Amino acid sequence: MDEKALGKRLQLARKRAGLTQQELCQKAGLSYSTLAKIERGAIRTPSVFTVAHIAAATGTPLETLLDIKSATLGAPAPANGKKRSKSGVRFVYFDVNGTLVRYTDRAFADIAEQSHTSWEIIQEMFMHYDGAACRGSMASKEVDKIISAEINLPDFSWEEFYMKHAEPTPGISELLDWVATNYDLGLLTNNWKGFTDELMKKQSLPAVEYTAIVESAKVGCSKPEAKIYEMAQQLAGVQAGEIMLVDDKPAYLAGAERAGWHTEWFDETNPEESIARVREALAF
């Protein structure tokens, strides 16, 4: 067993599951020092039972962590059924806000009505604090407190308005079902901490298998910063030229292109045409 290679696979599985080392230790029943040593490759031949506990905690097949190519010696590895597009794409990242879900107009209108404030002022305040919240440098409760005072709306919670009005973009569930069948799939989103998890619980995001979920507030950087694309590529486990980002923001697409990714713009106002373009771009 190559301990260092195993350590890297375990670390990748943990990060893909969105777990810190401490969180994985709690879920898998391991000590922090043991996990840290395994990820560094400092433990020779760690117990298969330990690896099995990590596999279960991260939702990763044990065979993947152990890099078992086949259950039968000498037999070829089973195909996973995934495709490579004509342009070389193997992994597709989707943005969330403005691509998979939409909410802003209704949420801002609702806040404006309840606070007797203009829609434009609500939007301006949101945009002023959104960047810091998305990078995780401001907690959502901290922003809520500031906005609550500014618009005189007691117990204001942006998360409540966001979740109330976030709805799936028409046709997006069918698109992601198709993409998940043919490609490895991930989410790359500028979002406030934990909001993506809540969208999952609310079933506002398609219930498909996501190989990687990168939420900006959790990783401490946001699109179009180079660092977030580097992290997302590491979690995808493929080369830059094998990744496509589908996003509604030209600046975020430009960041992906600088990272060497393929891109496809999603027009929130015309989802039917956008979905058709994504399918065409992923033709194999």
Protein backbone atom coordinates (compact mmCIF):
# COMPACT_ATOMS: atom_id res chain seq x y z
CA MET A 1 0.00 0.00 0.00
CA ASP A 2 1.30 3.47 -0.94
CA GLU A 3 0.61 5.36 2.29
CA LYS A 4 1.15 8.83 0.84
CA ALA A 5 -1.16 8.17 -2.11
CA LEU A 6 -3.76 6.74 0.26
CA GLY A 7 -3.43 9.83 2.47
CA LYS A 8 -4.08 12.10 -0.50
CA ARG A 9 -7.16 10.10 -1.51
CA LEU A 10 -8.53 10.25 2.03
CA GLN A 11 -7.90 13.98 2.24
CA LEU A 12 -9.65 14.53 -1.11
CA ALA A 13 -12.64 12.45 0.02
CA ARG A 14 -12.86 14.49 3.23
CA LYS A 15 -12.73 17.80 1.38
CA ARG A 16 -15.28 16.64 -1.17
CA ALA A 17 -17.58 15.78 1.73
CA GLY A 18 -17.08 19.30 3.10
CA LEU A 19 -15.65 18.04 6.39
CA THR A 20 -12.85 19.43 8.51
CA GLN A 21 -10.43 16.97 10.09
CA GLN A 22 -12.18 17.43 13.43
CA GLU A 23 -15.61 16.79 11.91
CA LEU A 24 -14.42 13.65 10.15
CA CYS A 25 -12.84 12.39 13.38
CA GLN A 26 -16.19 12.75 15.15
CA LYS A 27 -18.11 10.99 12.37
CA ALA A 28 -15.59 8.18 11.90
CA GLY A 29 -14.70 7.70 15.58
CA LEU A 30 -11.00 8.50 15.08
CA SER A 31 -8.53 10.54 17.07
CA TYR A 32 -7.31 13.75 15.46
CA SER A 33 -3.67 12.66 15.62
CA THR A 34 -4.45 9.37 13.86
CA LEU A 35 -6.32 11.05 11.01
CA ALA A 36 -3.67 13.73 10.59
CA LYS A 37 -0.94 11.08 10.37
CA ILE A 38 -2.93 9.02 7.85
CA GLU A 39 -3.50 12.04 5.62
CA ARG A 40 0.23 12.84 5.76
CA GLY A 41 1.07 9.26 4.86
CA ALA A 42 2.91 8.87 8.16
CA ILE A 43 1.18 5.62 9.19
CA ARG A 44 2.31 2.48 7.41
CA THR A 45 -0.53 0.19 6.32
CA PRO A 46 -3.40 1.79 8.27
CA SER A 47 -6.11 -0.67 9.23
CA VAL A 48 -8.63 -1.40 6.51
CA PHE A 49 -11.32 -1.03 9.20
CA THR A 50 -10.13 2.53 9.85
CA VAL A 51 -10.26 3.30 6.14
CA ALA A 52 -13.75 1.73 5.99
CA HIS A 53 -14.95 4.07 8.76
CA ILE A 54 -13.59 7.05 6.79
CA ALA A 55 -15.26 5.77 3.62
CA ALA A 56 -18.62 5.56 5.39
CA ALA A 57 -18.24 8.99 7.00
CA THR A 58 -17.37 10.68 3.69
CA GLY A 59 -19.81 8.72 1.54
CA THR A 60 -16.96 7.36 -0.58
CA PRO A 61 -16.73 3.76 -1.87
CA LEU A 62 -14.08 1.82 0.05
CA GLU A 63 -12.69 0.58 -3.25
CA THR A 64 -12.06 4.18 -4.32
CA LEU A 65 -10.09 5.00 -1.17
CA LEU A 66 -8.05 1.80 -1.44
CA ASP A 67 -7.63 2.29 -5.19
CA ILE A 68 -8.83 -1.22 -5.92
CA LYS A 69 -9.14 -1.46 -9.69
CA SER A 70 -11.06 -4.70 -9.76
CA ALA A 71 -12.42 -7.32 -7.43
CA THR A 72 -10.90 -10.00 -9.67
CA LEU A 73 -7.14 -10.04 -10.08
CA GLY A 74 -6.15 -9.15 -13.60
CA ALA A 75 -9.68 -8.16 -14.69
CA PRO A 76 -10.17 -4.72 -16.23
CA ALA A 77 -11.62 -1.98 -14.03
CA PRO A 78 -15.38 -1.60 -14.49
CA ALA A 79 -16.41 1.42 -16.55
CA ASN A 80 -18.24 4.10 -14.60
CA GLY A 81 -20.36 5.04 -17.59
CA LYS A 82 -19.13 8.65 -17.63
CA LYS A 83 -18.40 10.46 -20.86
CA ARG A 84 -15.88 12.93 -22.24
CA SER A 85 -17.37 15.71 -24.38
CA LYS A 86 -16.08 16.49 -27.84
CA SER A 87 -14.24 19.45 -26.31
CA GLY A 88 -12.62 17.22 -23.66
CA VAL A 89 -14.87 18.04 -20.66
CA ARG A 90 -15.17 15.35 -17.98
CA PHE A 91 -16.33 17.42 -14.98
CA VAL A 92 -19.05 20.11 -14.90
CA TYR A 93 -19.42 22.73 -12.18
CA PHE A 94 -22.70 24.64 -11.91
CA ASP A 95 -23.22 27.97 -10.17
CA VAL A 96 -26.19 28.09 -7.80
CA ASN A 97 -27.67 31.61 -7.53
CA GLY A 98 -28.90 32.85 -10.87
CA THR A 99 -28.26 29.48 -12.51
CA LEU A 100 -29.80 26.60 -10.56
CA VAL A 101 -32.08 28.79 -8.45
CA ARG A 102 -33.48 32.31 -8.70
CA TYR A 103 -34.77 34.49 -5.91
CA THR A 104 -33.51 38.10 -5.90
CA ASP A 105 -36.44 40.06 -7.35
CA ARG A 106 -39.06 38.40 -5.16
CA ALA A 107 -36.91 38.42 -2.02
CA PHE A 108 -35.98 42.09 -2.39
CA ALA A 109 -39.60 43.03 -3.14
CA ASP A 110 -40.79 41.18 -0.04
CA ILE A 111 -38.22 42.90 2.20
CA ALA A 112 -39.03 46.28 0.66
CA GLU A 113 -42.75 45.81 1.32
CA GLN A 114 -42.29 44.72 4.93
CA SER A 115 -39.80 47.49 5.74
CA HIS A 116 -41.50 50.22 3.71
CA THR A 117 -38.19 50.77 1.91
CA SER A 118 -37.58 51.03 -1.81
CA TRP A 119 -36.50 47.94 -3.76
CA GLU A 120 -33.41 49.82 -4.96
CA ILE A 121 -32.24 50.59 -1.42
CA ILE A 122 -32.69 46.95 -0.38
CA GLN A 123 -30.68 45.78 -3.37
CA GLU A 124 -27.93 48.33 -2.70
CA MET A 125 -27.61 47.26 0.94
CA PHE A 126 -27.54 43.60 0.00
CA MET A 127 -24.83 44.11 -2.61
CA HIS A 128 -22.79 46.16 -0.13
CA TYR A 129 -22.51 43.26 2.32
CA ASP A 130 -22.89 40.26 0.01
CA GLY A 131 -19.21 40.08 -0.95
CA ALA A 132 -18.01 39.91 2.66
CA ALA A 133 -20.66 37.34 3.59
CA CYS A 134 -19.81 35.20 0.57
CA ARG A 135 -16.11 35.20 1.50
CA GLY A 136 -17.00 34.33 5.07
CA SER A 137 -15.38 37.47 6.49
CA MET A 138 -18.76 38.53 7.88
CA ALA A 139 -21.20 36.13 9.53
CA SER A 140 -24.79 36.16 8.32
CA LYS A 141 -26.06 37.15 11.78
CA GLU A 142 -23.69 40.12 11.78
CA VAL A 143 -25.02 41.33 8.43
CA ASP A 144 -28.61 40.69 9.53
CA LYS A 145 -28.11 42.89 12.58
CA ILE A 146 -26.75 45.79 10.49
CA ILE A 147 -29.50 45.59 7.88
CA SER A 148 -32.17 45.19 10.55
CA ALA A 149 -31.10 48.49 12.10
CA GLU A 150 -30.82 50.30 8.76
CA ILE A 151 -34.29 49.38 7.51
CA ASN A 152 -35.93 49.23 10.97
CA LEU A 153 -37.10 45.65 10.54
CA PRO A 154 -36.73 43.78 13.85
CA ASP A 155 -35.35 40.23 13.78
CA PHE A 156 -34.42 40.55 10.09
CA SER A 157 -32.97 37.34 8.65
CA TRP A 158 -31.68 37.30 5.09
CA GLU A 159 -31.59 33.50 5.21
CA GLU A 160 -35.33 33.37 5.88
CA PHE A 161 -36.15 35.63 2.93
CA TYR A 162 -33.66 33.79 0.72
CA MET A 163 -35.05 30.34 1.50
CA LYS A 164 -38.63 31.56 1.22
CA HIS A 165 -38.15 32.82 -2.32
CA ALA A 166 -35.42 30.59 -3.79
CA GLU A 167 -36.96 28.32 -6.39
CA PRO A 168 -35.43 25.97 -8.97
CA THR A 169 -34.87 27.43 -12.41
CA PRO A 170 -37.41 25.83 -14.81
CA GLY A 171 -35.96 22.80 -16.58
CA ILE A 172 -32.81 22.69 -14.43
CA SER A 173 -33.64 19.40 -12.69
CA GLU A 174 -33.87 17.54 -15.99
CA LEU A 175 -30.61 19.11 -17.16
CA LEU A 176 -28.70 18.09 -14.03
CA ASP A 177 -30.12 14.56 -14.21
CA TRP A 178 -28.68 14.31 -17.72
CA VAL A 179 -25.34 15.86 -16.76
CA ALA A 180 -24.98 13.65 -13.66
CA THR A 181 -25.64 10.56 -15.77
CA ASN A 182 -22.91 11.41 -18.24
CA TYR A 183 -20.36 13.50 -16.31
CA ASP A 184 -18.97 14.06 -12.84
CA LEU A 185 -20.82 17.02 -11.38
CA GLY A 186 -20.16 19.71 -8.79
CA LEU A 187 -21.42 23.02 -7.39
CA LEU A 188 -19.22 26.11 -7.34
CA THR A 189 -21.12 28.93 -5.69
CA ASN A 190 -20.63 32.31 -4.10
CA ASN A 191 -23.01 31.88 -1.19
CA TRP A 192 -23.38 32.76 2.48
CA LYS A 193 -22.15 30.08 4.86
CA GLY A 194 -24.45 27.09 5.04
CA PHE A 195 -27.02 28.42 2.58
CA THR A 196 -26.22 25.73 0.00
CA ASP A 197 -26.76 23.01 2.61
CA GLU A 198 -30.13 24.54 3.46
CA LEU A 199 -31.12 24.62 -0.21
CA MET A 200 -30.36 20.90 -0.32
CA LYS A 201 -32.55 20.25 2.72
CA LYS A 202 -35.33 22.37 1.23
CA GLN A 203 -34.96 20.37 -2.01
CA SER A 204 -34.53 23.56 -4.00
CA LEU A 205 -31.48 21.98 -5.66
CA PRO A 206 -31.76 18.86 -7.83
CA ALA A 207 -31.23 15.65 -5.84
CA VAL A 208 -28.38 14.24 -7.90
CA GLU A 209 -24.92 12.99 -6.93
CA TYR A 210 -22.49 15.89 -6.51
CA THR A 211 -18.84 14.88 -6.55
CA ALA A 212 -17.77 18.22 -5.06
CA ILE A 213 -19.56 21.20 -3.49
CA VAL A 214 -17.53 24.40 -3.15
CA GLU A 215 -19.33 27.14 -1.20
CA SER A 216 -17.32 30.35 -1.05
CA ALA A 217 -18.03 31.24 2.58
CA LYS A 218 -16.83 27.82 3.71
CA VAL A 219 -13.53 27.97 1.81
CA GLY A 220 -12.78 31.64 2.54
CA CYS A 221 -12.55 32.90 -1.04
CA SER A 222 -14.98 33.60 -3.84
CA LYS A 223 -15.31 33.80 -7.61
CA PRO A 224 -13.55 35.27 -9.57
CA GLU A 225 -10.50 34.88 -7.27
CA ALA A 226 -7.98 32.41 -8.70
CA LYS A 227 -7.76 30.47 -5.43
CA ILE A 228 -11.33 29.18 -5.54
CA TYR A 229 -10.87 27.75 -9.04
CA GLU A 230 -7.64 26.06 -7.92
CA MET A 231 -9.43 24.48 -4.96
CA ALA A 232 -12.36 23.41 -7.13
CA GLN A 233 -10.02 21.80 -9.67
CA GLN A 234 -8.27 19.87 -6.89
CA LEU A 235 -11.61 18.54 -5.66
CA ALA A 236 -12.67 17.62 -9.20
CA GLY A 237 -9.52 15.53 -9.57
CA VAL A 238 -9.08 16.31 -13.27
CA GLN A 239 -7.03 18.66 -15.44
CA ALA A 240 -8.11 22.29 -15.96
CA GLY A 241 -9.00 21.67 -19.60
CA GLU A 242 -11.40 18.90 -18.54
CA ILE A 243 -13.66 21.17 -16.45
CA MET A 244 -16.61 23.31 -17.53
CA LEU A 245 -18.26 26.03 -15.44
CA VAL A 246 -21.89 26.98 -16.11
CA ASP A 247 -22.55 30.39 -14.54
CA ASP A 248 -24.70 33.49 -15.05
CA LYS A 249 -21.94 36.02 -14.18
CA PRO A 250 -19.50 36.95 -16.99
CA ALA A 251 -16.83 37.94 -14.44
CA TYR A 252 -16.97 34.49 -12.83
CA LEU A 253 -16.76 32.83 -16.23
CA ALA A 254 -13.75 34.98 -17.07
CA GLY A 255 -12.05 33.77 -13.88
CA ALA A 256 -12.70 30.17 -14.93
CA GLU A 257 -11.29 30.83 -18.40
CA ARG A 258 -8.12 32.27 -16.85
CA ALA A 259 -7.84 29.00 -14.92
CA GLY A 260 -7.97 27.11 -18.22
CA TRP A 261 -11.55 25.86 -17.87
CA HIS A 262 -14.30 25.66 -20.46
CA THR A 263 -17.27 27.92 -19.75
CA GLU A 264 -20.91 28.32 -20.69
CA TRP A 265 -22.97 31.39 -19.86
CA PHE A 266 -26.41 30.78 -18.32
CA ASP A 267 -29.05 33.43 -19.00
CA GLU A 268 -31.45 33.42 -16.05
CA THR A 269 -34.08 35.23 -18.13
CA ASN A 270 -34.00 32.58 -20.87
CA PRO A 271 -33.38 29.22 -19.19
CA GLU A 272 -34.73 27.12 -22.05
CA GLU A 273 -32.19 28.49 -24.52
CA SER A 274 -29.40 28.31 -21.91
CA ILE A 275 -30.15 24.67 -21.15
CA ALA A 276 -30.03 23.85 -24.85
CA ARG A 277 -26.63 25.54 -25.16
CA VAL A 278 -25.24 23.62 -22.18
CA ARG A 279 -26.39 20.32 -23.70
CA GLU A 280 -24.84 21.27 -27.03
CA ALA A 281 -21.55 22.25 -25.35
CA LEU A 282 -21.45 18.88 -23.59
CA ALA A 283 -22.17 16.80 -26.69
CA PHE A 284 -20.08 13.64 -26.81
